[in-house]
Amino acid sequence: MRYFVELSYRGTQYRGWQTQADGVSIQATIEAALTQRIGKSIHIVGSGRTDAGVHARQQFAHFDLDVPLALTEAFIYSLNCILPEDIAIHGIFPVSPNDHARFSAIYRYYQYHISRQKDVFQHGLTYHFRPLLNVDRMNEACRILLQHTNFQSFAKARADVTNFHCRLDFAYWAYTNNDCLTFHIKANRFLWGMVRTLVGTMLDIGQGRLELDRLEPIILAHDRNAAGRAAPANGLYLVEVGYPAEVLVARNSRGQGARGGE
């Protein structure tokens, strides 16, 4: 049987999602907890591989098991007791054997949070950035992005992909309050390092360090060296992962799967 896991995490203390040879990863931490609780070796596949220091408000992963799980709220509670405080399991539910946490996903939604004022309670969770920004100009840059699909210039040079095309559903900047500026972006897929490089490039535009009419040539260059620096990881959040309704039937039906805190 195949099961989906819905979870969230604060990525500050981890080397990223994917298991690493030289550091603690989110994937390995969750696998260890599942293995301990279930009594069988468990390997999970995530919907995406967030970088070191990146956070997730919603992430999904799947694993396979040759026997049915007794899914209860107590089971979820026990897993969360095993896991560290910065990783939380919100639910586990059965899916079709062909459903895949990564390849069945139809969109991902990211946010990047910038604090204009230093906040000791947000340390490691936002990018503290003080220079004045022209947010209208940054949103004009977003409208240019939406006219394109090839984002090779914003992917890490060693990104191992067959193509660099992403369909953006939206991209915009907005203040969530007077002190926090947030970049919102949703697409069917993202390239390795893409959101942070887009943010870094648009911050240059917002400061007037890069003219707006330079953005399209950067996009068309298909060259990472043409774009700006990547913004720090600590401001980036995976906020939502979308799937076809049939994948989430058990999650959304009472009496099937297990949800924590309900």
C-alpha atoms as a PDB file:
ATOM      1  CA  MET A   1       0.000   0.000   0.000  1.00  0.00           C
ATOM      2  CA  ARG A   2       1.066   3.567  -0.632  1.00  0.00           C
ATOM      3  CA  TYR A   3       0.560   6.335   1.922  1.00  0.00           C
ATOM      4  CA  PHE A   4       0.854  10.094   1.671  1.00  0.00           C
ATOM      5  CA  VAL A   5       2.246  12.085   4.608  1.00  0.00           C
ATOM      6  CA  GLU A   6       1.311  15.749   5.094  1.00  0.00           C
ATOM      7  CA  LEU A   7       3.851  17.685   7.148  1.00  0.00           C
ATOM      8  CA  SER A   8       5.509  20.999   7.880  1.00  0.00           C
ATOM      9  CA  TYR A   9       8.955  21.978   9.099  1.00  0.00           C
ATOM     10  CA  ARG A  10      11.271  24.779  10.058  1.00  0.00           C
ATOM     11  CA  GLY A  11      14.343  24.201   7.929  1.00  0.00           C
ATOM     12  CA  THR A  12      16.859  26.274   9.901  1.00  0.00           C
ATOM     13  CA  GLN A  13      18.745  23.367  11.473  1.00  0.00           C
ATOM     14  CA  TYR A  14      18.743  21.054   8.452  1.00  0.00           C
ATOM     15  CA  ARG A  15      20.881  20.576   5.355  1.00  0.00           C
ATOM     16  CA  GLY A  16      17.708  20.553   3.273  1.00  0.00           C
ATOM     17  CA  TRP A  17      15.032  17.999   2.484  1.00  0.00           C
ATOM     18  CA  GLN A  18      17.156  15.355   0.789  1.00  0.00           C
ATOM     19  CA  THR A  19      19.248  12.845   2.741  1.00  0.00           C
ATOM     20  CA  GLN A  20      22.864  14.038   2.957  1.00  0.00           C
ATOM     21  CA  ALA A  21      26.077  12.185   3.629  1.00  0.00           C
ATOM     22  CA  ASP A  22      27.466  14.999   5.797  1.00  0.00           C
ATOM     23  CA  GLY A  23      24.539  16.520   7.669  1.00  0.00           C
ATOM     24  CA  VAL A  24      21.060  16.070   9.111  1.00  0.00           C
ATOM     25  CA  SER A  25      18.230  16.222   6.576  1.00  0.00           C
ATOM     26  CA  ILE A  26      14.474  16.441   6.982  1.00  0.00           C
ATOM     27  CA  GLN A  27      13.931  13.331   4.871  1.00  0.00           C
ATOM     28  CA  ALA A  28      16.281  11.189   6.970  1.00  0.00           C
ATOM     29  CA  THR A  29      14.794  12.490  10.239  1.00  0.00           C
ATOM     30  CA  ILE A  30      11.244  11.567   9.191  1.00  0.00           C
ATOM     31  CA  GLU A  31      12.343   8.185   7.821  1.00  0.00           C
ATOM     32  CA  ALA A  32      13.987   7.363  11.146  1.00  0.00           C
ATOM     33  CA  ALA A  33      10.807   8.249  13.075  1.00  0.00           C
ATOM     34  CA  LEU A  34       8.555   6.223  10.747  1.00  0.00           C
ATOM     35  CA  THR A  35      10.931   3.268  10.868  1.00  0.00           C
ATOM     36  CA  GLN A  36      11.004   3.367  14.675  1.00  0.00           C
ATOM     37  CA  ARG A  37       7.226   3.667  14.988  1.00  0.00           C
ATOM     38  CA  ILE A  38       6.226   1.133  12.300  1.00  0.00           C
ATOM     39  CA  GLY A  39       9.010  -1.375  12.939  1.00  0.00           C
ATOM     40  CA  LYS A  40       9.975  -1.649   9.261  1.00  0.00           C
ATOM     41  CA  SER A  41      12.523   0.271   7.210  1.00  0.00           C
ATOM     42  CA  ILE A  42      10.700   3.196   5.579  1.00  0.00           C
ATOM     43  CA  HIS A  43      11.864   5.333   2.653  1.00  0.00           C
ATOM     44  CA  ILE A  44       9.920   8.475   1.758  1.00  0.00           C
ATOM     45  CA  VAL A  45       9.736  10.520  -1.455  1.00  0.00           C
ATOM     46  CA  GLY A  46       8.926  14.223  -1.111  1.00  0.00           C
ATOM     47  CA  SER A  47       6.965  16.508  -3.408  1.00  0.00           C
ATOM     48  CA  GLY A  48      10.131  18.579  -3.799  1.00  0.00           C
ATOM     49  CA  ARG A  49      13.636  18.993  -2.416  1.00  0.00           C
ATOM     50  CA  THR A  50      13.845  22.223  -0.455  1.00  0.00           C
ATOM     51  CA  ASP A  51      17.334  23.633   0.125  1.00  0.00           C
ATOM     52  CA  ALA A  52      19.154  23.986   3.422  1.00  0.00           C
ATOM     53  CA  GLY A  53      17.422  26.567   5.622  1.00  0.00           C
ATOM     54  CA  VAL A  54      14.177  26.641   3.599  1.00  0.00           C
ATOM     55  CA  HIS A  55      10.906  26.096   5.482  1.00  0.00           C
ATOM     56  CA  ALA A  56       7.629  24.377   4.578  1.00  0.00           C
ATOM     57  CA  ARG A  57       4.168  25.201   5.870  1.00  0.00           C
ATOM     58  CA  GLN A  58       2.848  22.323   3.764  1.00  0.00           C
ATOM     59  CA  GLN A  59       4.891  19.498   2.294  1.00  0.00           C
ATOM     60  CA  PHE A  60       3.855  16.038   1.145  1.00  0.00           C
ATOM     61  CA  ALA A  61       5.777  12.787   0.908  1.00  0.00           C
ATOM     62  CA  HIS A  62       4.838   9.196   0.183  1.00  0.00           C
ATOM     63  CA  PHE A  63       6.032   5.787   1.308  1.00  0.00           C
ATOM     64  CA  ASP A  64       5.118   2.178   0.513  1.00  0.00           C
ATOM     65  CA  LEU A  65       4.317  -0.548   3.009  1.00  0.00           C
ATOM     66  CA  ASP A  66       3.440  -4.204   2.462  1.00  0.00           C
ATOM     67  CA  VAL A  67       0.922  -4.302   5.329  1.00  0.00           C
ATOM     68  CA  PRO A  68      -1.963  -1.908   6.161  1.00  0.00           C
ATOM     69  CA  LEU A  69      -1.355   0.756   8.798  1.00  0.00           C
ATOM     70  CA  ALA A  70      -3.784   1.287  11.646  1.00  0.00           C
ATOM     71  CA  LEU A  71      -4.133   5.026  11.126  1.00  0.00           C
ATOM     72  CA  THR A  72      -5.355   6.826  14.232  1.00  0.00           C
ATOM     73  CA  GLU A  73      -4.799  10.203  15.847  1.00  0.00           C
ATOM     74  CA  ALA A  74      -2.765   8.363  18.500  1.00  0.00           C
ATOM     75  CA  PHE A  75      -0.460   7.064  15.761  1.00  0.00           C
ATOM     76  CA  ILE A  76       0.171  10.628  14.492  1.00  0.00           C
ATOM     77  CA  TYR A  77       0.674  11.852  18.056  1.00  0.00           C
ATOM     78  CA  SER A  78       3.263   9.158  18.730  1.00  0.00           C
ATOM     79  CA  LEU A  79       5.181  10.067  15.563  1.00  0.00           C
ATOM     80  CA  ASN A  80       5.255  13.713  16.568  1.00  0.00           C
ATOM     81  CA  CYS A  81       6.578  12.734  19.989  1.00  0.00           C
ATOM     82  CA  ILE A  82       9.496  10.973  18.271  1.00  0.00           C
ATOM     83  CA  LEU A  83      10.204  13.825  15.862  1.00  0.00           C
ATOM     84  CA  PRO A  84      12.027  17.024  16.910  1.00  0.00           C
ATOM     85  CA  GLU A  85       9.981  20.136  17.626  1.00  0.00           C
ATOM     86  CA  ASP A  86      10.746  21.716  14.245  1.00  0.00           C
ATOM     87  CA  ILE A  87       9.068  18.941  12.194  1.00  0.00           C
ATOM     88  CA  ALA A  88       5.356  18.150  12.468  1.00  0.00           C
ATOM     89  CA  ILE A  89       3.266  15.399  10.852  1.00  0.00           C
ATOM     90  CA  HIS A  90      -0.282  16.631  10.191  1.00  0.00           C
ATOM     91  CA  GLY A  91      -1.762  13.541   8.592  1.00  0.00           C
ATOM     92  CA  ILE A  92      -1.193  10.184   6.895  1.00  0.00           C
ATOM     93  CA  PHE A  93      -3.663   8.736   4.414  1.00  0.00           C
ATOM     94  CA  PRO A  94      -3.795   5.949   1.798  1.00  0.00           C
ATOM     95  CA  VAL A  95      -3.570   6.716  -1.918  1.00  0.00           C
ATOM     96  CA  SER A  96      -3.499   4.743  -5.160  1.00  0.00           C
ATOM     97  CA  PRO A  97      -0.252   2.844  -5.869  1.00  0.00           C
ATOM     98  CA  ASN A  98       0.269   5.102  -8.886  1.00  0.00           C
ATOM     99  CA  ASP A  99      -0.053   8.365  -6.952  1.00  0.00           C
ATOM    100  CA  HIS A 100       3.324  10.032  -6.472  1.00  0.00           C
ATOM    101  CA  ALA A 101       4.157  12.858  -4.069  1.00  0.00           C
ATOM    102  CA  ARG A 102       6.358  14.563  -6.642  1.00  0.00           C
ATOM    103  CA  PHE A 103       5.038  13.601 -10.070  1.00  0.00           C
ATOM    104  CA  SER A 104       1.318  13.736  -9.235  1.00  0.00           C
ATOM    105  CA  ALA A 105       1.570  17.301  -7.920  1.00  0.00           C
ATOM    106  CA  ILE A 106      -0.024  19.873 -10.241  1.00  0.00           C
ATOM    107  CA  TYR A 107       1.296  23.038  -8.577  1.00  0.00           C
ATOM    108  CA  ARG A 108       3.525  24.412  -5.837  1.00  0.00           C
ATOM    109  CA  TYR A 109       3.061  27.755  -4.092  1.00  0.00           C
ATOM    110  CA  TYR A 110       6.012  29.505  -2.450  1.00  0.00           C
ATOM    111  CA  GLN A 111       6.307  32.685  -0.403  1.00  0.00           C
ATOM    112  CA  TYR A 112       9.411  34.698   0.388  1.00  0.00           C
ATOM    113  CA  HIS A 113       9.225  36.886   3.507  1.00  0.00           C
ATOM    114  CA  ILE A 114      11.257  40.052   4.007  1.00  0.00           C
ATOM    115  CA  SER A 115      11.273  41.930   7.321  1.00  0.00           C
ATOM    116  CA  ARG A 116      11.943  45.646   7.062  1.00  0.00           C
ATOM    117  CA  GLN A 117      12.544  45.870  10.846  1.00  0.00           C
ATOM    118  CA  LYS A 118      14.735  43.613  12.949  1.00  0.00           C
ATOM    119  CA  ASP A 119      12.544  41.170  14.895  1.00  0.00           C
ATOM    120  CA  VAL A 120      14.230  38.851  17.387  1.00  0.00           C
ATOM    121  CA  PHE A 121      11.206  36.513  17.292  1.00  0.00           C
ATOM    122  CA  GLN A 122      11.540  36.065  13.522  1.00  0.00           C
ATOM    123  CA  HIS A 123      15.279  35.346  13.481  1.00  0.00           C
ATOM    124  CA  GLY A 124      15.958  32.615  10.919  1.00  0.00           C
ATOM    125  CA  LEU A 125      12.399  32.843   9.588  1.00  0.00           C
ATOM    126  CA  THR A 126      12.568  36.010   7.474  1.00  0.00           C
ATOM    127  CA  TYR A 127      15.190  37.968   5.547  1.00  0.00           C
ATOM    128  CA  HIS A 128      15.936  41.239   7.353  1.00  0.00           C
ATOM    129  CA  PHE A 129      16.432  43.715   4.484  1.00  0.00           C
ATOM    130  CA  ARG A 130      16.464  47.478   5.094  1.00  0.00           C
ATOM    131  CA  PRO A 131      17.177  49.234   1.739  1.00  0.00           C
ATOM    132  CA  LEU A 132      14.268  51.175   0.280  1.00  0.00           C
ATOM    133  CA  LEU A 133      12.390  49.249  -2.402  1.00  0.00           C
ATOM    134  CA  ASN A 134      10.118  50.332  -5.228  1.00  0.00           C
ATOM    135  CA  VAL A 135       7.478  47.608  -4.886  1.00  0.00           C
ATOM    136  CA  ASP A 136       5.501  48.883  -7.904  1.00  0.00           C
ATOM    137  CA  ARG A 137       8.568  48.354 -10.078  1.00  0.00           C
ATOM    138  CA  MET A 138       9.061  44.876  -8.594  1.00  0.00           C
ATOM    139  CA  ASN A 139       5.475  44.013  -9.487  1.00  0.00           C
ATOM    140  CA  GLU A 140       6.096  45.260 -13.026  1.00  0.00           C
ATOM    141  CA  ALA A 141       8.963  42.761 -13.095  1.00  0.00           C
ATOM    142  CA  CYS A 142       6.515  40.047 -12.018  1.00  0.00           C
ATOM    143  CA  ARG A 143       4.259  40.875 -14.956  1.00  0.00           C
ATOM    144  CA  ILE A 144       7.234  40.375 -17.275  1.00  0.00           C
ATOM    145  CA  LEU A 145       7.977  37.001 -15.668  1.00  0.00           C
ATOM    146  CA  LEU A 146       4.417  35.846 -16.336  1.00  0.00           C
ATOM    147  CA  GLN A 147       4.986  36.292 -20.080  1.00  0.00           C
ATOM    148  CA  HIS A 148       7.712  33.626 -20.102  1.00  0.00           C
ATOM    149  CA  THR A 149       8.115  29.920 -19.406  1.00  0.00           C
ATOM    150  CA  ASN A 150      11.864  29.271 -19.668  1.00  0.00           C
ATOM    151  CA  PHE A 151      13.612  30.165 -16.405  1.00  0.00           C
ATOM    152  CA  GLN A 152      17.049  28.656 -16.980  1.00  0.00           C
ATOM    153  CA  SER A 153      18.678  31.974 -16.057  1.00  0.00           C
ATOM    154  CA  PHE A 154      17.307  31.579 -12.512  1.00  0.00           C
ATOM    155  CA  ALA A 155      18.216  27.909 -11.952  1.00  0.00           C
ATOM    156  CA  LYS A 156      21.388  26.731 -10.283  1.00  0.00           C
ATOM    157  CA  ALA A 157      23.955  25.950 -12.968  1.00  0.00           C
ATOM    158  CA  ARG A 158      24.163  22.270 -12.017  1.00  0.00           C
ATOM    159  CA  ALA A 159      20.376  21.726 -11.982  1.00  0.00           C
ATOM    160  CA  ASP A 160      19.773  18.170 -13.250  1.00  0.00           C
ATOM    161  CA  VAL A 161      16.612  18.588 -15.341  1.00  0.00           C
ATOM    162  CA  THR A 162      15.536  17.766 -18.901  1.00  0.00           C
ATOM    163  CA  ASN A 163      14.008  21.210 -19.484  1.00  0.00           C
ATOM    164  CA  PHE A 164      13.758  24.613 -17.814  1.00  0.00           C
ATOM    165  CA  HIS A 165      10.107  25.377 -18.545  1.00  0.00           C
ATOM    166  CA  CYS A 166       7.704  26.324 -15.754  1.00  0.00           C
ATOM    167  CA  ARG A 167       4.136  27.592 -16.095  1.00  0.00           C
ATOM    168  CA  LEU A 168       3.640  30.460 -13.656  1.00  0.00           C
ATOM    169  CA  ASP A 169       0.088  30.904 -12.355  1.00  0.00           C
ATOM    170  CA  PHE A 170       0.864  34.083 -10.426  1.00  0.00           C
ATOM    171  CA  ALA A 171       3.773  36.146  -9.133  1.00  0.00           C
ATOM    172  CA  TYR A 172       3.457  39.330  -7.091  1.00  0.00           C
ATOM    173  CA  TRP A 173       4.765  41.297  -4.114  1.00  0.00           C
ATOM    174  CA  ALA A 174       2.523  42.523  -1.290  1.00  0.00           C
ATOM    175  CA  TYR A 175       2.890  43.850   2.247  1.00  0.00           C
ATOM    176  CA  THR A 176       1.331  41.516   4.834  1.00  0.00           C
ATOM    177  CA  ASN A 177       1.752  44.321   7.384  1.00  0.00           C
ATOM    178  CA  ASN A 178       3.784  47.505   7.555  1.00  0.00           C
ATOM    179  CA  ASP A 179       7.004  45.647   8.265  1.00  0.00           C
ATOM    180  CA  CYS A 180       6.782  42.437   6.216  1.00  0.00           C
ATOM    181  CA  LEU A 181       7.003  42.330   2.421  1.00  0.00           C
ATOM    182  CA  THR A 182       6.091  38.979   0.848  1.00  0.00           C
ATOM    183  CA  PHE A 183       6.733  37.581  -2.617  1.00  0.00           C
ATOM    184  CA  HIS A 184       4.022  35.142  -3.740  1.00  0.00           C
ATOM    185  CA  ILE A 185       4.633  32.739  -6.621  1.00  0.00           C
ATOM    186  CA  LYS A 186       2.743  29.666  -7.840  1.00  0.00           C
ATOM    187  CA  ALA A 187       3.727  27.365 -10.709  1.00  0.00           C
ATOM    188  CA  ASN A 188       3.364  23.801 -11.927  1.00  0.00           C
ATOM    189  CA  ARG A 189       7.048  23.222 -11.087  1.00  0.00           C
ATOM    190  CA  PHE A 190      10.136  25.077  -9.906  1.00  0.00           C
ATOM    191  CA  LEU A 191      13.783  24.746 -10.810  1.00  0.00           C
ATOM    192  CA  TRP A 192      16.549  24.289  -8.247  1.00  0.00           C
ATOM    193  CA  GLY A 193      17.232  27.694  -6.668  1.00  0.00           C
ATOM    194  CA  MET A 194      14.714  29.468  -8.918  1.00  0.00           C
ATOM    195  CA  VAL A 195      12.620  31.363  -6.359  1.00  0.00           C
ATOM    196  CA  ARG A 196      15.581  32.684  -4.381  1.00  0.00           C
ATOM    197  CA  THR A 197      17.293  33.902  -7.567  1.00  0.00           C
ATOM    198  CA  LEU A 198      14.099  35.563  -8.780  1.00  0.00           C
ATOM    199  CA  VAL A 199      13.840  37.314  -5.415  1.00  0.00           C
ATOM    200  CA  GLY A 200      17.459  38.440  -5.492  1.00  0.00           C
ATOM    201  CA  THR A 201      17.091  39.800  -9.034  1.00  0.00           C
ATOM    202  CA  MET A 202      13.873  41.658  -8.206  1.00  0.00           C
ATOM    203  CA  LEU A 203      15.436  43.176  -5.093  1.00  0.00           C
ATOM    204  CA  ASP A 204      18.076  44.651  -7.400  1.00  0.00           C
ATOM    205  CA  ILE A 205      15.265  46.061  -9.558  1.00  0.00           C
ATOM    206  CA  GLY A 206      13.444  47.411  -6.500  1.00  0.00           C
ATOM    207  CA  GLN A 207      16.591  49.237  -5.340  1.00  0.00           C
ATOM    208  CA  GLY A 208      17.257  50.697  -8.783  1.00  0.00           C
ATOM    209  CA  ARG A 209      20.482  48.712  -9.095  1.00  0.00           C
ATOM    210  CA  LEU A 210      19.060  46.906 -12.141  1.00  0.00           C
ATOM    211  CA  GLU A 211      16.890  48.623 -14.741  1.00  0.00           C
ATOM    212  CA  LEU A 212      13.514  47.016 -15.402  1.00  0.00           C
ATOM    213  CA  ASP A 213      14.198  46.789 -19.139  1.00  0.00           C
ATOM    214  CA  ARG A 214      17.150  44.490 -18.369  1.00  0.00           C
ATOM    215  CA  LEU A 215      14.918  41.746 -16.982  1.00  0.00           C
ATOM    216  CA  GLU A 216      13.668  40.324 -20.272  1.00  0.00           C
ATOM    217  CA  PRO A 217      17.194  40.045 -21.771  1.00  0.00           C
ATOM    218  CA  ILE A 218      18.221  38.212 -18.577  1.00  0.00           C
ATOM    219  CA  ILE A 219      15.352  35.757 -19.029  1.00  0.00           C
ATOM    220  CA  LEU A 220      16.137  35.232 -22.711  1.00  0.00           C
ATOM    221  CA  ALA A 221      19.857  34.715 -22.031  1.00  0.00           C
ATOM    222  CA  HIS A 222      19.158  31.266 -20.513  1.00  0.00           C
ATOM    223  CA  ASP A 223      22.308  31.797 -18.453  1.00  0.00           C
ATOM    224  CA  ARG A 224      22.467  31.789 -14.648  1.00  0.00           C
ATOM    225  CA  ASN A 225      25.355  34.275 -14.745  1.00  0.00           C
ATOM    226  CA  ALA A 226      23.017  36.879 -16.253  1.00  0.00           C
ATOM    227  CA  ALA A 227      20.688  36.992 -13.220  1.00  0.00           C
ATOM    228  CA  GLY A 228      21.250  38.485  -9.786  1.00  0.00           C
ATOM    229  CA  ARG A 229      22.393  36.847  -6.579  1.00  0.00           C
ATOM    230  CA  ALA A 230      20.167  34.363  -4.772  1.00  0.00           C
ATOM    231  CA  ALA A 231      18.371  35.704  -1.709  1.00  0.00           C
ATOM    232  CA  PRO A 232      19.116  33.891   1.578  1.00  0.00           C
ATOM    233  CA  ALA A 233      17.267  30.646   2.272  1.00  0.00           C
ATOM    234  CA  ASN A 234      15.730  31.669   5.603  1.00  0.00           C
ATOM    235  CA  GLY A 235      12.989  33.796   4.023  1.00  0.00           C
ATOM    236  CA  LEU A 236      11.648  31.071   1.721  1.00  0.00           C
ATOM    237  CA  TYR A 237       8.597  28.906   2.479  1.00  0.00           C
ATOM    238  CA  LEU A 238       6.901  26.128   0.559  1.00  0.00           C
ATOM    239  CA  VAL A 239       3.318  27.080   1.401  1.00  0.00           C
ATOM    240  CA  GLU A 240       1.099  24.702  -0.539  1.00  0.00           C
ATOM    241  CA  VAL A 241       1.346  21.667  -2.833  1.00  0.00           C
ATOM    242  CA  GLY A 242      -1.665  20.909  -5.046  1.00  0.00           C
ATOM    243  CA  TYR A 243      -2.889  17.537  -6.294  1.00  0.00           C
ATOM    244  CA  PRO A 244      -5.861  16.344  -8.352  1.00  0.00           C
ATOM    245  CA  ALA A 245      -8.933  15.843  -6.153  1.00  0.00           C
ATOM    246  CA  GLU A 246      -8.864  12.069  -6.588  1.00  0.00           C
ATOM    247  CA  VAL A 247      -5.421  11.860  -4.938  1.00  0.00           C
ATOM    248  CA  LEU A 248      -6.706  13.533  -1.774  1.00  0.00           C
ATOM    249  CA  VAL A 249      -9.998  11.617  -1.443  1.00  0.00           C
ATOM    250  CA  ALA A 250      -8.944   9.774   1.719  1.00  0.00           C
ATOM    251  CA  ARG A 251      -7.425  12.923   3.229  1.00  0.00           C
ATOM    252  CA  ASN A 252     -10.617  14.872   2.762  1.00  0.00           C
ATOM    253  CA  SER A 253     -12.984  12.089   3.889  1.00  0.00           C
ATOM    254  CA  ARG A 254     -13.765  11.619   7.552  1.00  0.00           C
ATOM    255  CA  GLY A 255     -13.008   8.145   8.818  1.00  0.00           C
ATOM    256  CA  GLN A 256     -10.141   7.579   6.371  1.00  0.00           C
ATOM    257  CA  GLY A 257      -6.525   8.285   7.149  1.00  0.00           C
ATOM    258  CA  ALA A 258      -5.383   9.989  10.320  1.00  0.00           C
ATOM    259  CA  ARG A 259      -5.120  13.671  11.123  1.00  0.00           C
ATOM    260  CA  GLY A 260      -3.308  15.220  14.030  1.00  0.00           C
ATOM    261  CA  GLY A 261      -4.964  17.731  16.304  1.00  0.00           C
ATOM    262  CA  GLU A 262      -8.544  17.050  15.232  1.00  0.00           C
END
